[in-house]
N, C-alpha and C. Protein backbone atom coordinates (compact mmCIF):
# COMPACT_ATOMS: atom_id res chain seq x y z
N UNK A 1 239.79 83.99 45.93
CA UNK A 1 239.36 83.07 46.97
C UNK A 1 237.85 82.82 46.81
N UNK A 2 237.44 81.56 46.76
CA UNK A 2 236.01 81.26 46.60
C UNK A 2 235.22 81.61 47.87
N UNK A 3 233.95 81.86 47.70
CA UNK A 3 233.08 82.16 48.82
C UNK A 3 232.78 80.87 49.59
N UNK A 4 232.88 80.95 50.91
CA UNK A 4 232.64 79.80 51.79
C UNK A 4 231.20 79.86 52.32
N UNK A 5 230.53 78.71 52.30
CA UNK A 5 229.16 78.60 52.79
C UNK A 5 229.09 77.52 53.86
N UNK A 6 228.18 77.70 54.81
CA UNK A 6 227.90 76.66 55.80
C UNK A 6 226.92 75.68 55.20
N UNK A 7 227.19 74.39 55.41
CA UNK A 7 226.36 73.34 54.85
C UNK A 7 226.09 72.30 55.93
N UNK A 8 224.93 72.38 56.60
CA UNK A 8 224.61 71.39 57.64
C UNK A 8 224.24 70.05 57.00
N UNK A 9 224.90 69.00 57.47
CA UNK A 9 224.68 67.68 56.88
C UNK A 9 225.00 66.61 57.91
N UNK A 10 224.05 65.73 58.17
CA UNK A 10 224.21 64.61 59.11
C UNK A 10 224.70 65.06 60.49
N UNK A 11 224.09 66.14 61.00
CA UNK A 11 224.38 66.59 62.35
C UNK A 11 225.65 67.40 62.50
N UNK A 12 226.31 67.72 61.42
CA UNK A 12 227.54 68.52 61.48
C UNK A 12 227.42 69.63 60.43
N UNK A 13 228.06 70.77 60.68
CA UNK A 13 228.06 71.84 59.69
C UNK A 13 229.43 71.89 59.04
N UNK A 14 229.43 71.79 57.73
CA UNK A 14 230.68 71.82 56.94
C UNK A 14 230.82 73.19 56.30
N UNK A 15 232.05 73.63 56.15
CA UNK A 15 232.33 74.84 55.40
C UNK A 15 232.76 74.41 54.01
N UNK A 16 231.98 74.85 53.02
CA UNK A 16 232.21 74.39 51.65
C UNK A 16 232.33 75.58 50.68
N UNK A 17 232.88 75.29 49.53
CA UNK A 17 232.84 76.23 48.41
C UNK A 17 232.53 75.43 47.16
N UNK A 18 232.21 76.12 46.09
CA UNK A 18 231.77 75.46 44.87
C UNK A 18 232.79 75.62 43.74
N UNK A 19 232.83 74.60 42.91
CA UNK A 19 233.56 74.64 41.65
C UNK A 19 232.59 74.20 40.56
N UNK A 20 232.77 74.78 39.39
CA UNK A 20 231.92 74.41 38.27
C UNK A 20 232.73 73.65 37.23
N UNK A 21 232.06 72.77 36.58
CA UNK A 21 232.59 72.00 35.45
C UNK A 21 231.45 71.91 34.45
N UNK A 22 231.66 71.12 33.42
CA UNK A 22 230.60 70.86 32.44
C UNK A 22 230.57 69.38 32.12
N UNK A 23 229.38 68.84 32.02
CA UNK A 23 229.24 67.43 31.68
C UNK A 23 229.70 67.21 30.24
N UNK A 24 230.47 66.15 30.04
CA UNK A 24 231.05 65.86 28.72
C UNK A 24 229.97 65.56 27.69
N UNK A 25 228.92 64.89 28.09
CA UNK A 25 227.90 64.44 27.15
C UNK A 25 227.17 65.58 26.46
N UNK A 26 226.74 66.58 27.25
CA UNK A 26 225.92 67.64 26.66
C UNK A 26 226.37 69.06 27.02
N UNK A 27 227.44 69.18 27.78
CA UNK A 27 227.97 70.49 28.13
C UNK A 27 227.22 71.21 29.22
N UNK A 28 226.22 70.58 29.83
CA UNK A 28 225.47 71.22 30.92
C UNK A 28 226.38 71.53 32.09
N UNK A 29 225.98 72.53 32.86
CA UNK A 29 226.70 72.93 34.05
C UNK A 29 226.73 71.80 35.07
N UNK A 30 227.90 71.56 35.63
CA UNK A 30 228.05 70.60 36.73
C UNK A 30 228.57 71.39 37.93
N UNK A 31 227.99 71.17 39.09
CA UNK A 31 228.37 71.90 40.29
C UNK A 31 228.85 70.90 41.34
N UNK A 32 230.04 71.18 41.88
CA UNK A 32 230.62 70.33 42.92
C UNK A 32 230.92 71.18 44.15
N UNK A 33 230.79 70.56 45.32
CA UNK A 33 231.11 71.22 46.58
C UNK A 33 232.41 70.64 47.13
N UNK A 34 233.26 71.52 47.63
CA UNK A 34 234.54 71.13 48.22
C UNK A 34 234.61 71.67 49.64
N UNK A 35 235.30 70.95 50.50
CA UNK A 35 235.51 71.45 51.85
C UNK A 35 236.46 72.64 51.79
N UNK A 36 236.46 73.41 52.85
CA UNK A 36 237.34 74.58 52.94
C UNK A 36 238.80 74.19 52.72
N UNK A 37 239.13 72.93 53.05
CA UNK A 37 240.49 72.43 52.89
C UNK A 37 240.79 71.97 51.46
N UNK A 38 239.78 72.00 50.60
CA UNK A 38 239.97 71.66 49.20
C UNK A 38 239.68 70.22 48.81
N UNK A 39 239.06 69.45 49.71
CA UNK A 39 238.70 68.07 49.40
C UNK A 39 237.28 68.02 48.83
N UNK A 40 237.06 67.16 47.83
CA UNK A 40 235.72 67.01 47.26
C UNK A 40 234.76 66.57 48.36
N UNK A 41 233.68 67.32 48.52
CA UNK A 41 232.65 67.00 49.51
C UNK A 41 231.49 66.25 48.86
N UNK A 42 231.01 66.79 47.72
CA UNK A 42 229.86 66.16 47.06
C UNK A 42 229.66 66.74 45.67
N UNK A 43 229.05 65.93 44.82
CA UNK A 43 228.53 66.42 43.56
C UNK A 43 227.15 67.00 43.87
N UNK A 44 226.96 68.26 43.59
CA UNK A 44 225.71 68.93 43.91
C UNK A 44 224.68 68.72 42.79
N UNK A 45 225.15 68.64 41.57
CA UNK A 45 224.25 68.49 40.44
C UNK A 45 224.27 67.06 39.91
N UNK A 46 223.21 66.75 39.19
CA UNK A 46 223.11 65.47 38.49
C UNK A 46 222.67 65.79 37.06
N UNK A 47 223.22 65.08 36.11
CA UNK A 47 222.94 65.34 34.70
C UNK A 47 221.84 64.40 34.23
N UNK A 48 220.66 64.96 34.00
CA UNK A 48 219.52 64.17 33.55
C UNK A 48 219.24 64.55 32.11
N UNK A 49 219.40 63.60 31.23
CA UNK A 49 219.22 63.85 29.81
C UNK A 49 217.83 64.40 29.52
N UNK A 50 217.77 65.49 28.78
CA UNK A 50 216.51 66.09 28.36
C UNK A 50 215.85 67.00 29.39
N UNK A 51 216.41 67.10 30.59
CA UNK A 51 215.79 67.93 31.62
C UNK A 51 215.99 69.42 31.36
N UNK A 52 217.13 69.77 30.76
CA UNK A 52 217.47 71.17 30.51
C UNK A 52 217.76 71.38 29.03
N UNK A 53 217.31 72.50 28.51
CA UNK A 53 217.65 72.85 27.13
C UNK A 53 219.10 73.33 27.06
N UNK A 54 219.62 73.47 25.86
CA UNK A 54 221.03 73.84 25.67
C UNK A 54 221.37 75.16 26.34
N UNK A 55 220.55 76.19 26.18
CA UNK A 55 220.82 77.48 26.81
C UNK A 55 220.65 77.40 28.32
N UNK A 56 219.59 76.75 28.73
CA UNK A 56 219.30 76.63 30.15
C UNK A 56 220.38 75.85 30.88
N UNK A 57 220.97 74.88 30.21
CA UNK A 57 222.01 74.05 30.82
C UNK A 57 223.27 74.81 31.19
N UNK A 58 223.40 76.05 30.72
CA UNK A 58 224.57 76.86 31.05
C UNK A 58 224.54 77.39 32.47
N UNK A 59 223.32 77.59 33.02
CA UNK A 59 223.24 78.17 34.36
C UNK A 59 222.12 77.58 35.22
N UNK A 60 221.65 76.40 34.85
CA UNK A 60 220.66 75.69 35.65
C UNK A 60 221.21 74.29 35.96
N UNK A 61 220.80 73.74 37.09
CA UNK A 61 221.20 72.37 37.44
C UNK A 61 220.01 71.62 38.02
N UNK A 62 220.09 70.31 37.96
CA UNK A 62 219.20 69.43 38.71
C UNK A 62 219.97 69.10 39.99
N UNK A 63 219.44 69.51 41.13
CA UNK A 63 220.12 69.31 42.42
C UNK A 63 219.99 67.85 42.83
N UNK A 64 221.11 67.26 43.20
CA UNK A 64 221.15 65.83 43.56
C UNK A 64 220.62 65.60 44.97
N UNK A 65 219.29 65.72 45.11
CA UNK A 65 218.66 65.50 46.41
C UNK A 65 218.59 64.03 46.78
N UNK A 66 218.98 63.18 45.88
CA UNK A 66 219.06 61.75 46.20
C UNK A 66 220.22 61.50 47.18
N UNK A 67 221.23 62.37 47.17
CA UNK A 67 222.39 62.22 48.05
C UNK A 67 222.57 63.37 49.03
N UNK A 68 221.96 64.51 48.75
CA UNK A 68 222.07 65.69 49.62
C UNK A 68 220.67 66.25 49.87
N UNK A 69 220.26 66.39 51.14
CA UNK A 69 218.92 66.91 51.40
C UNK A 69 218.83 68.40 51.05
N UNK A 70 217.75 68.79 50.43
CA UNK A 70 217.55 70.19 50.04
C UNK A 70 217.61 71.10 51.25
N UNK A 71 217.20 70.63 52.42
CA UNK A 71 217.23 71.45 53.64
C UNK A 71 218.64 71.94 53.96
N UNK A 72 219.66 71.20 53.54
CA UNK A 72 221.05 71.60 53.80
C UNK A 72 221.48 72.82 52.99
N UNK A 73 220.71 73.16 51.97
CA UNK A 73 221.08 74.26 51.07
C UNK A 73 220.50 75.60 51.50
N UNK A 74 219.96 75.70 52.72
CA UNK A 74 219.30 76.92 53.17
C UNK A 74 220.12 78.18 53.00
N UNK A 75 221.35 78.19 53.51
CA UNK A 75 222.20 79.38 53.42
C UNK A 75 222.52 79.70 51.97
N UNK A 76 222.68 78.68 51.16
CA UNK A 76 223.07 78.86 49.77
C UNK A 76 221.90 79.45 48.96
N UNK A 77 220.69 79.01 49.26
CA UNK A 77 219.51 79.57 48.61
C UNK A 77 219.31 81.01 49.09
N UNK A 78 219.44 81.23 50.39
CA UNK A 78 219.27 82.57 50.96
C UNK A 78 220.28 83.57 50.38
N UNK A 79 221.49 83.10 50.08
CA UNK A 79 222.52 83.95 49.49
C UNK A 79 222.28 84.22 48.01
N UNK A 80 221.28 83.57 47.42
CA UNK A 80 220.96 83.79 46.02
C UNK A 80 221.81 83.00 45.04
N UNK A 81 222.57 82.05 45.55
CA UNK A 81 223.38 81.20 44.66
C UNK A 81 222.46 80.28 43.87
N UNK A 82 221.51 79.68 44.55
CA UNK A 82 220.54 78.80 43.92
C UNK A 82 219.15 79.42 44.04
N UNK A 83 218.44 79.48 42.91
CA UNK A 83 217.09 80.00 42.89
C UNK A 83 216.17 78.93 42.33
N UNK A 84 215.14 78.55 43.09
CA UNK A 84 214.23 77.50 42.58
C UNK A 84 213.47 77.96 41.36
N UNK A 85 213.28 77.04 40.43
CA UNK A 85 212.50 77.33 39.23
C UNK A 85 211.07 76.81 39.37
N UNK A 86 210.84 75.94 40.35
CA UNK A 86 209.53 75.33 40.50
C UNK A 86 209.35 74.11 39.61
N UNK A 87 210.37 73.79 38.84
CA UNK A 87 210.33 72.63 37.95
C UNK A 87 211.11 71.48 38.57
N UNK A 88 210.85 70.29 38.07
CA UNK A 88 211.54 69.09 38.53
C UNK A 88 211.87 68.20 37.33
N UNK A 89 212.84 67.34 37.54
CA UNK A 89 213.19 66.34 36.53
C UNK A 89 213.12 64.97 37.18
N UNK A 90 212.55 64.03 36.47
CA UNK A 90 212.39 62.66 36.97
C UNK A 90 213.48 61.78 36.37
N UNK A 91 214.08 60.96 37.22
CA UNK A 91 215.03 59.95 36.77
C UNK A 91 214.86 58.73 37.67
N UNK A 92 214.41 57.65 37.09
CA UNK A 92 214.14 56.46 37.89
C UNK A 92 213.07 56.76 38.92
N UNK A 93 213.35 56.43 40.18
CA UNK A 93 212.40 56.67 41.25
C UNK A 93 212.63 58.01 41.94
N UNK A 94 213.56 58.81 41.46
CA UNK A 94 213.90 60.08 42.09
C UNK A 94 213.41 61.27 41.28
N UNK A 95 213.03 62.31 42.00
CA UNK A 95 212.64 63.57 41.39
C UNK A 95 213.62 64.62 41.87
N UNK A 96 214.23 65.33 40.92
CA UNK A 96 215.27 66.30 41.23
C UNK A 96 214.77 67.71 40.92
N UNK A 97 214.85 68.62 41.90
CA UNK A 97 214.43 70.00 41.64
C UNK A 97 215.44 70.71 40.73
N UNK A 98 214.93 71.57 39.86
CA UNK A 98 215.78 72.33 38.96
C UNK A 98 215.96 73.73 39.54
N UNK A 99 217.21 74.15 39.67
CA UNK A 99 217.55 75.46 40.22
C UNK A 99 218.40 76.23 39.24
N UNK A 100 218.21 77.53 39.24
CA UNK A 100 219.10 78.41 38.49
C UNK A 100 220.27 78.74 39.40
N UNK A 101 221.48 78.76 38.83
CA UNK A 101 222.70 79.03 39.58
C UNK A 101 223.20 80.42 39.20
N UNK A 102 223.41 81.27 40.20
CA UNK A 102 224.02 82.58 39.94
C UNK A 102 225.52 82.40 40.09
N UNK A 103 226.19 82.22 38.97
CA UNK A 103 227.62 81.91 38.97
C UNK A 103 228.45 83.06 39.53
N UNK A 104 227.92 84.27 39.54
CA UNK A 104 228.67 85.40 40.08
C UNK A 104 228.76 85.36 41.61
N UNK A 105 227.93 84.54 42.23
CA UNK A 105 227.89 84.50 43.71
C UNK A 105 228.68 83.35 44.30
N UNK A 106 229.36 82.59 43.44
CA UNK A 106 230.18 81.51 43.99
C UNK A 106 231.62 81.82 43.70
């Protein structure tokens, strides 16, 4: 059974869990959030070409803050699932923070 996290978003708190995939283009980690009922809630990661090296792409993601506010990830960061690296990736007019993902905690 996956670990359930609270995710406050647009005035409501959702219970979500994570699934991992890999982007077809470069094999980087892709992270998706699903509701407790198993419906896709959101793509958490975004694949930005050149933002992550091959090794780093196995357990780091660019968080899609263009669609999900970083403030909603409080419980997830506190639980150690996502750890900030202090780095960012630019794509168009958006800047995406790069986080390390502890896959053992999801």
